Protein backbone atom coordinates (compact mmCIF):
# COMPACT_ATOMS: atom_id res chain seq x y z
CA CYS A 1 -28.11 -45.53 -229.33
CA PHE A 2 -26.31 -44.80 -232.32
CA SER A 3 -28.36 -43.72 -235.21
CA ASP A 4 -29.68 -41.28 -232.16
CA PRO A 5 -29.05 -37.87 -232.87
CA ALA A 6 -30.09 -36.93 -229.76
CA ASP A 7 -27.39 -38.70 -228.09
CA ALA A 8 -24.78 -37.44 -230.45
CA GLN A 9 -25.91 -34.01 -229.09
CA ALA A 10 -25.84 -35.39 -225.49
CA LEU A 11 -22.19 -36.37 -225.94
CA GLU A 12 -20.93 -33.39 -227.49
CA ARG A 13 -22.68 -30.94 -224.78
CA LYS A 14 -20.20 -33.21 -222.38
CA PHE A 15 -17.43 -32.20 -224.44
CA ALA A 16 -18.46 -28.42 -224.86
CA ALA A 17 -18.70 -28.12 -220.63
CA LEU A 18 -15.00 -29.44 -220.69
CA ARG A 19 -14.35 -26.85 -223.23
CA THR A 20 -15.03 -24.48 -221.20
CA ILE A 21 -12.71 -24.82 -218.62
CA GLY A 22 -9.63 -25.44 -220.84
CA VAL A 23 -9.51 -28.96 -222.43
CA HIS A 24 -8.73 -29.28 -225.86
CA SER A 25 -8.51 -33.25 -226.19
CA PHE A 26 -11.53 -35.78 -225.96
CA TYR A 27 -11.92 -39.48 -226.08
CA VAL A 28 -14.54 -42.05 -226.20
CA ALA A 29 -13.79 -45.45 -224.98
CA LEU A 30 -16.29 -48.45 -226.32
CA ASP A 31 -14.48 -51.08 -224.12
CA ASP A 32 -15.58 -53.80 -222.75
CA ILE A 33 -19.76 -53.38 -223.73
CA GLU A 34 -21.51 -55.57 -225.32
CA TYR A 35 -21.19 -54.95 -229.56
CA LYS A 36 -22.81 -57.90 -231.02
CA LYS A 37 -26.28 -56.59 -230.43
CA TRP A 38 -27.90 -52.72 -231.22
CA ASN A 39 -29.51 -51.01 -227.72
CA CYS A 40 -32.09 -49.51 -229.74
CA PRO A 41 -34.41 -50.32 -233.00
CA ARG A 42 -33.13 -47.67 -234.74
CA ASP A 43 -29.62 -48.75 -235.04
CA ALA A 44 -31.09 -51.97 -236.82
CA THR A 45 -32.68 -49.73 -239.36
CA ALA A 46 -29.96 -47.64 -239.84
CA PHE A 47 -27.14 -50.40 -240.09
CA GLY A 48 -28.71 -53.49 -240.52
CA PRO A 49 -28.36 -56.66 -238.64
CA SER A 50 -26.43 -56.91 -235.32
CA GLY A 51 -22.97 -58.34 -235.37
CA ALA A 52 -19.55 -57.34 -235.04
CA GLU A 53 -19.12 -55.64 -238.37
CA ALA A 54 -22.01 -53.53 -238.14
CA ALA A 55 -21.00 -52.05 -234.23
CA GLY A 56 -17.40 -51.39 -236.34
CA ILE A 57 -19.55 -49.29 -238.89
CA ALA A 58 -22.25 -47.78 -236.01
CA GLN A 59 -18.84 -47.11 -233.88
CA ALA A 60 -17.35 -45.20 -236.85
CA ARG A 61 -20.37 -42.92 -238.57
CA LEU A 62 -20.71 -41.86 -234.47
CA LEU A 63 -16.89 -40.72 -234.13
CA ASN A 64 -16.43 -39.47 -237.39
CA ALA A 65 -19.33 -37.00 -236.86
CA VAL A 66 -17.91 -36.21 -233.09
CA GLN A 67 -14.39 -35.61 -234.85
CA ALA A 68 -16.00 -33.21 -237.81
CA GLN A 69 -18.20 -31.46 -235.01
CA LEU A 70 -15.09 -30.81 -232.60
CA VAL A 71 -13.14 -29.72 -235.25
CA ALA A 72 -16.17 -27.50 -236.99
CA THR A 73 -16.05 -25.82 -232.57
CA ASP A 74 -12.46 -25.59 -232.11
CA PRO A 75 -9.68 -25.81 -234.51
CA ALA A 76 -7.70 -26.05 -231.75
CA SER A 77 -8.49 -29.09 -230.32
CA ARG A 78 -6.46 -31.99 -230.44
CA PRO A 79 -7.86 -35.62 -232.62
CA LEU A 80 -9.95 -37.38 -231.17
CA ILE A 81 -9.23 -40.48 -229.64
CA MET A 82 -11.25 -43.87 -229.42
CA VAL A 83 -10.79 -47.15 -227.40
CA PRO A 84 -12.32 -50.05 -229.68
CA THR A 85 -14.20 -53.11 -228.50
CA GLU A 86 -11.45 -55.02 -229.50
CA TYR A 87 -9.04 -53.31 -227.98
CA TYR A 88 -6.80 -56.34 -226.99
CA ASP A 89 -5.16 -57.71 -230.16
CA ALA A 90 -4.00 -57.47 -233.47
CA LYS A 91 -5.87 -60.45 -235.35
CA GLU A 92 -7.96 -59.53 -238.67
CA THR A 93 -12.01 -59.56 -237.67
CA PRO A 94 -15.17 -58.07 -239.35
CA TYR A 95 -15.07 -55.17 -236.47
CA LYS A 96 -11.27 -54.08 -237.14
CA ALA A 97 -12.03 -54.16 -240.64
CA ALA A 98 -14.68 -51.81 -240.04
CA LEU A 99 -13.07 -49.91 -238.50
CA ARG A 100 -10.29 -49.69 -241.19
CA LYS A 101 -12.47 -48.44 -243.85
CA GLU A 102 -15.30 -46.26 -242.53
CA LEU A 103 -13.38 -44.48 -239.34
CA ASP A 104 -12.01 -40.88 -239.87
CA PRO A 105 -8.27 -40.95 -240.25
CA ARG A 106 -7.84 -38.23 -237.81
CA VAL A 107 -9.24 -40.56 -234.88
CA VAL A 108 -6.63 -41.95 -232.85
CA VAL A 109 -6.94 -45.47 -231.87
CA GLN A 110 -5.90 -47.01 -228.32
CA TRP A 111 -4.30 -50.59 -228.15
CA THR A 112 -2.87 -52.68 -225.40
CA GLY A 113 -1.11 -54.83 -227.03
CA THR A 114 -1.40 -58.83 -228.29
CA ASP A 115 -3.69 -59.26 -224.86
CA VAL A 116 -5.81 -57.47 -222.66
CA VAL A 117 -2.30 -57.70 -220.26
CA PRO A 118 0.49 -58.62 -222.63
CA PRO A 119 3.80 -60.52 -221.54
CA ALA A 120 5.38 -58.50 -224.29
CA ILE A 121 4.75 -55.95 -227.57
CA SER A 122 7.43 -55.70 -230.05
CA ILE A 123 7.90 -53.91 -233.11
CA PRO A 124 5.94 -56.36 -235.41
CA ASP A 125 3.55 -56.26 -232.92
CA ALA A 126 2.56 -52.94 -233.17
CA ARG A 127 3.39 -53.48 -236.81
CA ALA A 128 0.36 -56.00 -236.84
CA ALA A 129 -1.87 -53.49 -235.16
CA THR A 130 -1.03 -50.70 -237.89
CA LYS A 131 -2.56 -53.25 -239.78
CA ALA A 132 -5.76 -53.88 -238.67
CA PHE A 133 -6.27 -50.48 -237.85
CA GLY A 134 -5.05 -48.76 -240.75
CA ARG A 135 -3.33 -46.27 -238.57
CA LYS A 136 -0.37 -46.59 -236.08
CA THR A 137 -1.84 -47.50 -232.74
CA LEU A 138 -1.84 -45.23 -229.50
CA LEU A 139 -0.43 -48.20 -227.28
CA TRP A 140 -2.75 -48.78 -224.02
CA ASP A 141 -0.28 -50.76 -221.94
CA ASN A 142 -2.15 -52.23 -219.04
CA TYR A 143 0.78 -51.49 -216.41
CA PRO A 144 0.95 -51.14 -213.64
CA VAL A 145 -2.70 -51.54 -212.98
CA ASN A 146 -4.31 -54.36 -210.25
CA ASP A 147 -7.58 -54.49 -211.20
CA TYR A 148 -8.42 -57.63 -212.66
CA ALA A 149 -8.66 -60.97 -210.72
CA GLN A 150 -5.23 -62.35 -210.84
CA THR A 151 -3.55 -59.17 -209.17
CA THR A 152 -5.95 -59.64 -206.24
CA GLY A 153 -3.78 -58.48 -203.33
CA ARG A 154 -1.05 -57.24 -205.02
CA LEU A 155 1.09 -53.77 -205.47
CA LEU A 156 2.73 -54.06 -208.84
CA MET A 157 6.17 -52.83 -208.27
CA ALA A 158 8.37 -54.83 -211.08
CA PRO A 159 10.27 -52.01 -213.65
CA TYR A 160 8.78 -51.32 -216.69
CA ALA A 161 10.39 -53.96 -219.04
CA ARG A 162 10.02 -56.38 -221.91
CA ARG A 163 9.07 -53.48 -224.92
CA GLU A 164 10.63 -53.45 -227.63
CA ALA A 165 12.98 -50.42 -228.19
CA GLY A 166 12.25 -48.93 -231.25
CA LEU A 167 8.21 -49.00 -230.39
CA SER A 168 8.41 -45.00 -231.02
CA GLY A 169 8.59 -45.06 -234.43
CA GLU A 170 5.87 -47.58 -234.79
CA LEU A 171 3.22 -46.07 -232.44
CA THR A 172 1.54 -42.71 -231.53
CA GLY A 173 2.22 -43.03 -228.71
CA ILE A 174 2.14 -44.55 -225.14
CA LEU A 175 0.03 -44.39 -222.16
CA SER A 176 0.09 -46.22 -219.09
CA ASN A 177 -2.97 -47.89 -216.87
CA PRO A 178 -2.23 -47.07 -213.17
CA MET A 179 -2.99 -48.71 -210.23
CA ASN A 180 -5.62 -47.29 -208.27
CA GLN A 181 -2.70 -47.01 -205.68
CA GLU A 182 -1.20 -43.49 -206.88
CA ALA A 183 2.22 -43.15 -205.31
CA PRO A 184 2.77 -46.67 -205.48
CA SER A 185 2.03 -46.46 -209.12
CA ARG A 186 4.52 -43.80 -210.02
CA VAL A 187 7.50 -47.24 -209.80
CA ALA A 188 5.88 -48.89 -212.86
CA VAL A 189 4.50 -45.43 -214.78
CA THR A 190 8.06 -43.72 -214.26
CA GLY A 191 9.80 -46.37 -216.50
CA VAL A 192 6.46 -46.32 -219.02
CA ALA A 193 7.56 -42.01 -219.59
CA ALA A 194 11.03 -42.97 -219.57
CA PHE A 195 10.59 -45.53 -222.49
CA GLY A 196 7.69 -42.99 -223.65
CA TRP A 197 10.67 -40.46 -223.70
CA ASN A 198 13.81 -42.31 -225.21
CA ASP A 199 12.64 -46.18 -225.59
CA VAL A 200 16.19 -46.76 -227.21
CA GLY A 201 17.98 -45.63 -224.44
CA TYR A 202 16.05 -46.83 -222.09
CA ASP A 203 17.65 -48.98 -219.41
CA ALA A 204 14.55 -50.56 -216.94
CA GLU A 205 16.82 -51.59 -214.18
CA ARG A 206 18.04 -48.00 -214.20
CA THR A 207 14.86 -46.40 -214.10
CA TRP A 208 13.77 -48.77 -211.22
CA HIS A 209 16.73 -47.36 -209.53
CA PHE A 210 15.69 -43.86 -210.20
CA SER A 211 12.15 -44.15 -209.04
CA ALA A 212 13.21 -45.39 -205.34
CA ARG A 213 15.44 -42.75 -205.55
CA GLU A 214 12.85 -39.97 -206.35
CA LEU A 215 10.44 -41.32 -203.50
CA ALA A 216 13.39 -41.23 -201.31
CA GLY A 217 14.11 -37.74 -201.45
CA GLY A 218 17.95 -38.56 -202.52
CA ASP A 219 18.37 -40.62 -198.93
CA ALA A 220 20.31 -43.72 -199.64
CA ARG A 221 19.09 -45.67 -196.89
CA ALA A 222 15.67 -45.19 -197.53
CA GLU A 223 16.33 -45.60 -201.25
CA ALA A 224 17.93 -49.31 -200.70
CA ALA A 225 14.25 -50.07 -198.77
CA LEU A 226 12.64 -48.99 -201.47
CA LEU A 227 14.04 -51.44 -204.39
CA THR A 228 14.06 -54.59 -201.13
CA PHE A 229 10.39 -53.73 -201.14
CA PHE A 230 10.12 -53.33 -205.02
CA ASP A 231 11.50 -56.45 -205.03
CA THR A 232 8.57 -58.42 -202.77
CA GLN A 233 6.04 -56.69 -205.08
CA HIS A 234 7.97 -57.50 -208.35
CA MET A 235 5.54 -60.22 -210.05
CA ALA A 236 3.33 -58.93 -212.56
CA PRO A 237 0.40 -61.12 -213.80
CA THR A 238 -1.42 -62.09 -216.87
CA PHE A 239 -4.88 -63.24 -217.65
CA GLY A 240 -3.49 -66.34 -218.27
CA SER A 241 -1.29 -68.60 -215.37
CA GLN A 242 2.11 -67.67 -216.09
CA PRO A 243 2.48 -64.10 -214.60
CA TRP A 244 5.25 -61.59 -217.17
CA GLN A 245 7.59 -61.08 -214.54
CA GLU A 246 8.53 -63.11 -211.35
CA GLN A 247 7.77 -63.15 -208.13
CA ALA A 248 10.57 -61.64 -205.55
CA PRO A 249 13.72 -62.54 -207.76
CA ARG A 250 16.46 -60.87 -205.87
CA LEU A 251 15.15 -62.46 -203.03
CA LYS A 252 14.83 -65.86 -204.69
CA ALA A 253 18.32 -66.10 -205.42
CA SER A 254 19.44 -65.32 -201.83
CA LEU A 255 17.76 -67.98 -200.96
CA ASP A 256 18.06 -70.13 -203.60
CA ALA A 257 21.70 -69.75 -202.72
CA VAL A 258 21.15 -70.47 -198.68
CA ARG A 259 19.52 -73.45 -199.27
CA GLU A 260 22.27 -74.78 -201.59
CA ALA A 261 24.77 -74.24 -199.04
CA LEU A 262 22.75 -75.85 -196.22
CA ALA A 263 22.10 -78.95 -198.39
CA ASP A 264 25.95 -78.87 -199.22
CA GLY A 265 26.93 -80.09 -196.04
CA ASP A 266 29.83 -78.08 -194.95
CA ALA A 267 29.85 -76.70 -191.93
CA ALA A 268 31.62 -73.27 -192.73
CA LYS A 269 28.87 -73.24 -195.48
CA ARG A 270 26.23 -73.60 -193.58
CA SER A 271 27.14 -71.01 -191.09
CA ALA A 272 27.73 -68.62 -193.41
CA ALA A 273 24.49 -69.26 -195.47
CA ILE A 274 22.89 -68.90 -192.31
CA ALA A 275 24.72 -65.75 -191.13
CA ASP A 276 23.62 -64.62 -194.44
CA LEU A 277 20.39 -65.29 -194.43
CA ARG A 278 20.15 -63.60 -191.17
CA ALA A 279 21.22 -60.23 -192.80
CA GLN A 280 18.90 -60.16 -195.29
CA ALA A 281 15.82 -61.00 -192.79
CA ASP A 282 16.74 -57.59 -191.19
CA THR A 283 16.62 -56.35 -194.21
CA LEU A 284 13.27 -57.33 -195.09
CA ALA A 285 11.72 -56.60 -191.17
CA ASN A 286 13.95 -53.09 -190.99
CA ALA A 287 12.96 -52.12 -194.64
CA PRO A 288 8.98 -51.05 -193.51
CA ASP A 289 9.71 -48.49 -190.67
CA ILE A 290 12.70 -47.10 -192.85
CA ILE A 291 10.21 -46.55 -195.55
CA ARG A 292 7.38 -45.19 -193.46
CA SER A 293 9.51 -42.42 -192.28
CA GLY A 294 12.70 -42.13 -195.15
CA THR A 295 10.12 -41.18 -198.02
CA VAL A 296 9.31 -37.63 -199.55
CA ASP A 297 5.94 -38.71 -200.13
CA PRO A 298 3.64 -40.18 -197.01
CA ALA A 299 0.89 -41.08 -199.32
CA PHE A 300 2.96 -43.86 -200.40
CA ALA A 301 3.32 -45.45 -197.06
CA GLU A 302 -0.34 -44.93 -196.48
CA GLN A 303 -1.11 -46.61 -199.79
CA ALA A 304 1.14 -50.01 -199.23
CA ARG A 305 0.46 -49.90 -195.79
CA PRO A 306 -0.77 -53.35 -195.79
CA TRP A 307 2.23 -54.38 -197.99
CA LEU A 308 4.61 -53.03 -195.53
CA ASP A 309 2.56 -54.69 -192.60
CA ALA A 310 2.94 -57.47 -194.04
CA LEU A 311 6.70 -57.11 -195.01
CA GLN A 312 7.67 -56.56 -191.53
CA LEU A 313 6.14 -59.55 -190.62
CA TRP A 314 7.61 -62.12 -193.26
CA GLY A 315 10.98 -60.49 -192.26
CA ARG A 316 10.36 -61.42 -188.39
CA ALA A 317 9.55 -64.66 -189.50
CA LEU A 318 12.77 -65.21 -191.24
CA GLN A 319 14.81 -63.92 -188.94
CA LEU A 320 13.19 -66.64 -186.34
CA THR A 321 13.82 -69.25 -189.36
CA ALA A 322 17.72 -68.43 -189.25
CA ALA A 323 17.70 -68.53 -185.62
CA GLY A 324 16.29 -71.92 -185.92
CA LEU A 325 18.31 -73.11 -188.21
CA ASP A 326 21.15 -71.58 -186.50
CA ALA A 327 19.87 -73.96 -183.13
CA ALA A 328 19.45 -76.85 -185.46
CA ASP A 329 23.05 -76.67 -186.43
CA HIS A 330 24.44 -76.19 -183.25
CA GLY A 331 22.39 -79.31 -181.80
CA THR A 332 19.90 -77.00 -179.35
CA ASP A 333 16.44 -77.67 -178.72
CA ALA A 334 15.91 -74.05 -179.25
CA ALA A 335 14.99 -74.97 -182.87
CA THR A 336 11.82 -76.48 -182.47
CA ARG A 337 10.53 -72.92 -180.53
CA TYR A 338 11.68 -70.68 -183.28
CA PHE A 339 10.50 -72.55 -186.40
CA THR A 340 6.55 -72.82 -184.61
CA ASP A 341 6.88 -68.87 -183.94
CA ALA A 342 8.30 -68.23 -187.78
CA GLY A 343 4.92 -69.99 -188.49
CA ARG A 344 2.82 -67.99 -186.75
CA LEU A 345 4.64 -64.78 -187.77
CA ALA A 346 4.68 -66.41 -191.23
CA ALA A 347 0.67 -66.74 -190.72
CA GLN A 348 0.23 -63.19 -189.93
CA ALA A 349 1.42 -62.19 -192.67
CA ALA A 350 -0.37 -64.40 -194.98
CA ALA A 351 -3.75 -63.07 -193.54
CA VAL A 352 -3.25 -59.20 -194.16
CA GLN A 353 -5.15 -58.00 -196.12
CA SER A 354 -5.29 -54.71 -198.61
CA ILE A 355 -7.36 -51.81 -197.63
CA PRO A 356 -11.05 -52.61 -198.66
CA GLY A 357 -12.59 -50.39 -201.61
CA ALA A 358 -9.15 -49.83 -202.43
CA THR A 359 -9.16 -52.02 -205.20
CA ARG A 360 -11.27 -53.91 -207.65
CA PHE A 361 -10.71 -57.28 -205.79
CA ASP A 362 -9.98 -57.07 -202.48
CA GLY A 363 -7.90 -59.62 -200.68
C-alpha cells in the first residue's frame, strides 16, 4: 500500500538492518507487478482511480520518501535505485510521464533497452529512454540470463555484442542480469564489464577469448576447448521468434563447407571434406574432458555438466557420421551401421536434461 506509512516504515527498517552490516546502496524493484489496480482502499483515496498514471505518481511518492529518509539517516548513502514497472522500452506513456514529473531527480531508474531482451541497444535508444524517464538511465541488460521460456535448456555464452560504442555517454551505468549458473555466466559478464569499462575500445571477440583464457588459467589447450564449447552455446534468444545471436556460427560455417564439398562431386574435395569433418568431430568430442580437467574453477564444469555431456555425445555422433560418409564414399556396407549408431548417439544427446531446479525452466 503506497500511501500507508506503516509499509514505508517497514521498508526503511529493512534498509536500516542492512546498513548495520555496511550497506550504503539500496534498491527498490517495481518490475513485473500489477500496477493498474490498487492493493488497498487507502491508495484510491490518496491517488484517485487506479491506472498507469496513478501508479507512477504513487510509486514516485513512496520512493521520494525513501530517498529523503536515506539521506537524512546516512548522508554517505548512494542514490536510491528503482526498477520501473515499464522498464522494457522508451515509449511515451502516462506511467512514464508521471514518473518523469514526480520522481526525485536523485533516484536512479533502471531500463532494459527497447525490449525485455533487446537484440541491440543504440545511442538513440538510450537518448529516447532519457527523454521518457527524465534522466539518464541505468542499463539493466538481460544478458546472459536464461530464466525465460525461449532459453529453456540453454546456456547463453556468446560474446557480449550489439551494444553501440559511446553508450557510456548516454547512461549512468550498465548492469548484467546473469544466468543462475554463476561460473558459465562469467563468459558474458566479462564482456559486460569490459564494455562498461571502455565501450569505445571494446572488442567483443577479443574479450570472449580473454574470458576463455581466464577460465583455462592460461592453458592454451583448455582455452581452445572452451571456445569450442562456447560456440555450441552461442545462440541468444529474444522474446520473439528470431534470436539476436545465432547458434554455433563457427561450427555451422565448418559444416556448410563440408556439405558444399560433398555436393561438388570431386573425389579429392570429398575426401578432404570428410577429413575436415572427422577433425571437427574429434575437437567436439574431446573438448568436454579437456574442460573438466583443465578449467581453473571446478564450478564451471559442474554447472555446465549436462551441456558438456551432450556435447561429447554430439561429437561422437559426428565422428560416426564422418566414418559413415567415408565408408559410403568408398562403397562399403559399413556406412549404414555407422549412420545408425550416429543416430542413436544423437538421440541420447538430444535427451540430456538440464540440472533440475538450476534454472526457471528445466529442459
